Amino acid sequence: MKSVKQILMVFALVFVAFSQGVYADSDGKKLFVNITSDDINKAAMAIGFSMKVRMEKKIPVTIFLNVEGVRIADKNIPEHKHSTGKSLKGMLADFMQAGGKVIVCPMCMKNVGGLSKEDLIDGVVVGGSDVTWPALFADDTVVLSY
C-alpha cells in the first residue's frame, strides 16, 4: 500500500511540474474576454480575472463589452461597489491603466444601452471590424465569455 501511495505521489508531482511549464510560457498568447452582463458579480469576476492575467502573464488582454455589459462603461449610471470595495468602472479604469484594452459593441451600445460615444468612460473604444476583429481573431487568442 505504501508503494502505491509513493507511485501516486511521484505521478502527481510529475504532472504538476509539467502542467506549470505549459502555462508559464505565454509568449505570443492573448486573451479576449467577452462580458455580456452588467451583473456586478459576473462583471467583477471577468474584469478581475482579466487584470490578474494582464499583470501576472504580461500578455495582451482585451475586454469586449456587449449586450447588457455595455452599461458597465456608461459614465452616467451611478456606481455600485463590489464587495472588494471597487466599482466596476474603477476596475475597468485600473485595467486600462495596466495596459488592457476595453472595446464596446457599437450595436449593443446603441440598441441595448441607449448610449453614445460621449456616454462612455474615458479609455473605452467603440468597436467595429477594424477594432474588434484584430483582437478577437489574432493568432493564439483565448476567448472567455462571462
Protein backbone atom coordinates (compact mmCIF):
# COMPACT_ATOMS: atom_id res chain seq x y z
CA MET A 1 0.00 0.00 0.00
CA LYS A 2 2.87 2.33 0.84
CA SER A 3 4.47 1.83 -2.59
CA VAL A 4 1.16 2.61 -4.33
CA LYS A 5 0.98 5.91 -2.44
CA GLN A 6 4.58 6.68 -3.40
CA ILE A 7 3.88 5.96 -7.07
CA LEU A 8 0.78 8.17 -6.99
CA MET A 9 2.75 10.94 -5.29
CA VAL A 10 5.51 10.78 -7.92
CA PHE A 11 2.90 10.79 -10.68
CA ALA A 12 1.18 13.82 -9.13
CA LEU A 13 4.47 15.72 -8.79
CA VAL A 14 5.46 14.99 -12.39
CA PHE A 15 2.01 16.05 -13.59
CA VAL A 16 2.15 19.33 -11.66
CA ALA A 17 5.70 20.08 -12.81
CA PHE A 18 4.84 19.64 -16.48
CA SER A 19 1.48 21.39 -16.21
CA GLN A 20 3.03 24.55 -14.78
CA GLY A 21 5.57 24.64 -17.60
CA VAL A 22 2.82 24.68 -20.19
CA TYR A 23 1.11 27.68 -18.61
CA ALA A 24 4.28 29.58 -17.74
CA ASP A 25 5.14 30.06 -21.42
CA SER A 26 2.84 32.88 -22.52
CA ASP A 27 4.86 34.18 -25.48
CA GLY A 28 2.52 35.28 -28.23
CA LYS A 29 -0.64 34.38 -26.36
CA LYS A 30 -3.54 36.80 -25.98
CA LEU A 31 -6.78 36.86 -24.03
CA PHE A 32 -10.13 38.20 -25.25
CA VAL A 33 -12.79 38.42 -22.52
CA ASN A 34 -16.40 38.82 -23.63
CA ILE A 35 -18.63 40.38 -20.94
CA THR A 36 -22.35 40.15 -21.75
CA SER A 37 -23.77 41.08 -18.35
CA ASP A 38 -23.80 44.15 -16.13
CA ASP A 39 -24.33 41.93 -13.07
CA ILE A 40 -21.81 43.24 -10.56
CA ASN A 41 -20.51 39.81 -9.50
CA LYS A 42 -20.17 38.38 -13.01
CA ALA A 43 -18.57 41.53 -14.36
CA ALA A 44 -16.23 41.90 -11.37
CA MET A 45 -15.08 38.31 -11.83
CA ALA A 46 -14.40 38.89 -15.53
CA ILE A 47 -12.58 42.19 -15.01
CA GLY A 48 -10.64 40.85 -12.03
CA PHE A 49 -9.55 37.77 -13.95
CA SER A 50 -8.55 39.92 -16.92
CA MET A 51 -6.48 42.17 -14.67
CA LYS A 52 -4.78 39.22 -12.99
CA VAL A 53 -3.81 37.70 -16.34
CA ARG A 54 -2.62 41.08 -17.63
CA MET A 55 -0.45 41.70 -14.57
CA GLU A 56 0.89 38.19 -13.97
CA LYS A 57 1.25 36.84 -17.51
CA LYS A 58 2.10 40.19 -19.13
CA ILE A 59 0.09 39.29 -22.22
CA PRO A 60 -2.31 41.47 -24.22
CA VAL A 61 -5.82 41.30 -22.76
CA THR A 62 -8.91 42.79 -24.39
CA ILE A 63 -12.29 43.10 -22.67
CA PHE A 64 -15.26 43.26 -25.04
CA LEU A 65 -18.47 44.68 -23.55
CA ASN A 66 -21.64 43.64 -25.34
CA VAL A 67 -25.34 43.06 -24.72
CA GLU A 68 -26.08 44.31 -21.15
CA GLY A 69 -22.34 44.51 -20.46
CA VAL A 70 -22.18 47.85 -22.29
CA ARG A 71 -23.82 49.51 -19.30
CA ILE A 72 -20.65 48.95 -17.27
CA ALA A 73 -18.94 51.65 -19.37
CA ASP A 74 -21.79 54.19 -19.04
CA LYS A 75 -20.38 57.10 -17.06
CA ASN A 76 -23.92 58.33 -16.31
CA ILE A 77 -25.03 55.27 -14.34
CA PRO A 78 -24.34 55.54 -10.59
CA GLU A 79 -21.51 53.31 -9.47
CA HIS A 80 -22.17 50.41 -7.14
CA LYS A 81 -19.33 48.99 -5.12
CA HIS A 82 -18.37 45.34 -5.35
CA SER A 83 -17.52 43.53 -2.12
CA THR A 84 -13.87 44.30 -2.92
CA GLY A 85 -14.68 47.98 -2.37
CA LYS A 86 -14.17 48.91 -6.01
CA SER A 87 -16.74 49.92 -8.59
CA LEU A 88 -16.86 48.22 -11.99
CA LYS A 89 -15.89 51.50 -13.66
CA GLY A 90 -12.94 51.80 -11.28
CA MET A 91 -11.92 48.23 -12.05
CA LEU A 92 -12.09 48.96 -15.79
CA ALA A 93 -10.04 52.14 -15.31
CA ASP A 94 -7.38 50.20 -13.37
CA PHE A 95 -7.36 47.52 -16.08
CA MET A 96 -6.84 50.09 -18.84
CA GLN A 97 -4.16 51.84 -16.76
CA ALA A 98 -2.35 48.48 -16.63
CA GLY A 99 -2.35 48.30 -20.43
CA GLY A 100 -5.57 46.39 -21.01
CA LYS A 101 -7.92 47.37 -23.81
CA VAL A 102 -11.70 47.77 -23.44
CA ILE A 103 -13.92 47.66 -26.52
CA VAL A 104 -17.68 48.21 -26.51
CA CYS A 105 -20.04 46.72 -29.12
CA PRO A 106 -21.45 49.63 -31.14
CA MET A 107 -24.83 47.98 -31.87
CA CYS A 108 -25.34 46.95 -28.24
CA MET A 109 -24.17 50.35 -27.07
CA LYS A 110 -26.92 51.99 -29.12
CA ASN A 111 -29.72 49.41 -29.06
CA VAL A 112 -29.36 47.88 -25.59
CA GLY A 113 -27.67 50.60 -23.56
CA GLY A 114 -29.05 53.63 -25.41
CA LEU A 115 -25.53 55.05 -25.31
CA SER A 116 -23.48 57.33 -27.49
CA LYS A 117 -19.70 57.59 -27.57
CA GLU A 118 -19.92 60.61 -25.25
CA ASP A 119 -21.59 58.44 -22.57
CA LEU A 120 -18.58 56.12 -22.26
CA ILE A 121 -15.94 56.33 -19.54
CA ASP A 122 -12.52 57.52 -20.67
CA GLY A 123 -10.38 54.98 -22.47
CA VAL A 124 -13.16 52.72 -23.76
CA VAL A 125 -13.06 52.25 -27.53
CA VAL A 126 -16.13 51.78 -29.72
CA GLY A 127 -15.77 48.52 -31.61
CA GLY A 128 -16.03 47.75 -35.28
CA SER A 129 -14.47 45.28 -37.67
CA ASP A 130 -11.22 47.27 -37.69
CA VAL A 131 -11.05 47.36 -33.87
CA THR A 132 -12.73 44.21 -32.55
CA TRP A 133 -11.72 41.63 -35.14
CA PRO A 134 -7.94 42.05 -34.85
CA ALA A 135 -8.16 41.39 -31.09
CA LEU A 136 -10.66 38.54 -31.44
CA PHE A 137 -9.11 36.70 -34.38
CA ALA A 138 -5.40 37.18 -33.62
CA ASP A 139 -3.30 34.02 -33.55
CA ASP A 140 -3.02 32.32 -30.16
CA THR A 141 -6.01 34.19 -28.71
CA VAL A 142 -8.03 32.52 -25.98
CA VAL A 143 -11.64 33.71 -25.70
CA LEU A 144 -13.56 33.65 -22.41
CA SER A 145 -17.17 34.68 -22.06
CA TYR A 146 -18.91 35.92 -18.93
